[in-house]
Amino acid sequence: MFSGMGAAGFFAGLMVMVFGAISVRVYCELIMVIFRNNKYLKTISEKSQL
């Protein structure tokens, strides 16, 4: 993908690794937020049924 581009290829690959790691972190955090919201909504639903 970035082979044969010299220093530009090296920095492009480095940027792909950095932004890839950041995007995976953001994706995992969003999944955790979704499940946490589900837990809170379930708690609110159980309280309202009483």
Protein backbone atom coordinates (compact mmCIF):
# COMPACT_ATOMS: atom_id res chain seq x y z
CA MET A 1 0.00 0.00 0.00
CA PHE A 2 2.65 2.52 1.05
CA SER A 3 5.71 0.66 -0.21
CA GLY A 4 8.12 2.42 -2.52
CA MET A 5 7.29 5.90 -1.24
CA GLY A 6 10.27 6.31 1.09
CA ALA A 7 9.82 8.59 4.10
CA ALA A 8 6.33 9.61 2.98
CA GLY A 9 5.26 5.95 3.03
CA PHE A 10 6.72 5.51 6.49
CA PHE A 11 4.84 8.50 7.89
CA ALA A 12 1.65 7.50 6.08
CA GLY A 13 1.86 4.04 7.63
CA LEU A 14 2.53 5.55 11.02
CA MET A 15 -0.51 7.79 10.70
CA VAL A 16 -2.67 4.84 9.66
CA MET A 17 -1.56 2.95 12.78
CA VAL A 18 -2.18 5.92 15.09
CA PHE A 19 -5.59 6.86 13.67
CA GLY A 20 -6.57 3.20 13.44
CA ALA A 21 -5.88 2.71 17.13
CA ILE A 22 -7.80 5.89 18.00
CA SER A 23 -10.79 4.87 15.88
CA VAL A 24 -10.91 1.41 17.49
CA ARG A 25 -10.83 3.06 20.93
CA VAL A 26 -13.69 5.40 20.01
CA TYR A 27 -15.72 2.50 18.60
CA CYS A 28 -15.27 0.46 21.79
CA GLU A 29 -16.21 3.45 23.97
CA LEU A 30 -19.39 3.95 21.95
CA ILE A 31 -20.36 0.31 22.43
CA MET A 32 -19.80 0.68 26.19
CA VAL A 33 -21.97 3.81 26.26
CA ILE A 34 -24.77 2.02 24.39
CA PHE A 35 -24.79 -0.85 26.89
CA ARG A 36 -24.60 1.53 29.85
CA ASN A 37 -27.59 3.48 28.50
CA ASN A 38 -29.47 0.22 28.12
CA LYS A 39 -28.79 -0.59 31.78
CA TYR A 40 -30.03 2.83 32.91
CA LEU A 41 -33.14 2.62 30.75
CA LYS A 42 -33.91 -0.83 32.14
CA THR A 43 -33.58 0.53 35.69
CA ILE A 44 -35.92 3.43 34.91
CA SER A 45 -38.43 1.04 33.33
CA GLU A 46 -38.41 -1.24 36.38
CA LYS A 47 -38.93 1.74 38.73
CA SER A 48 -41.84 3.09 36.69
CA GLN A 49 -43.68 -0.25 36.80
CA LEU A 50 -43.95 -0.17 40.59
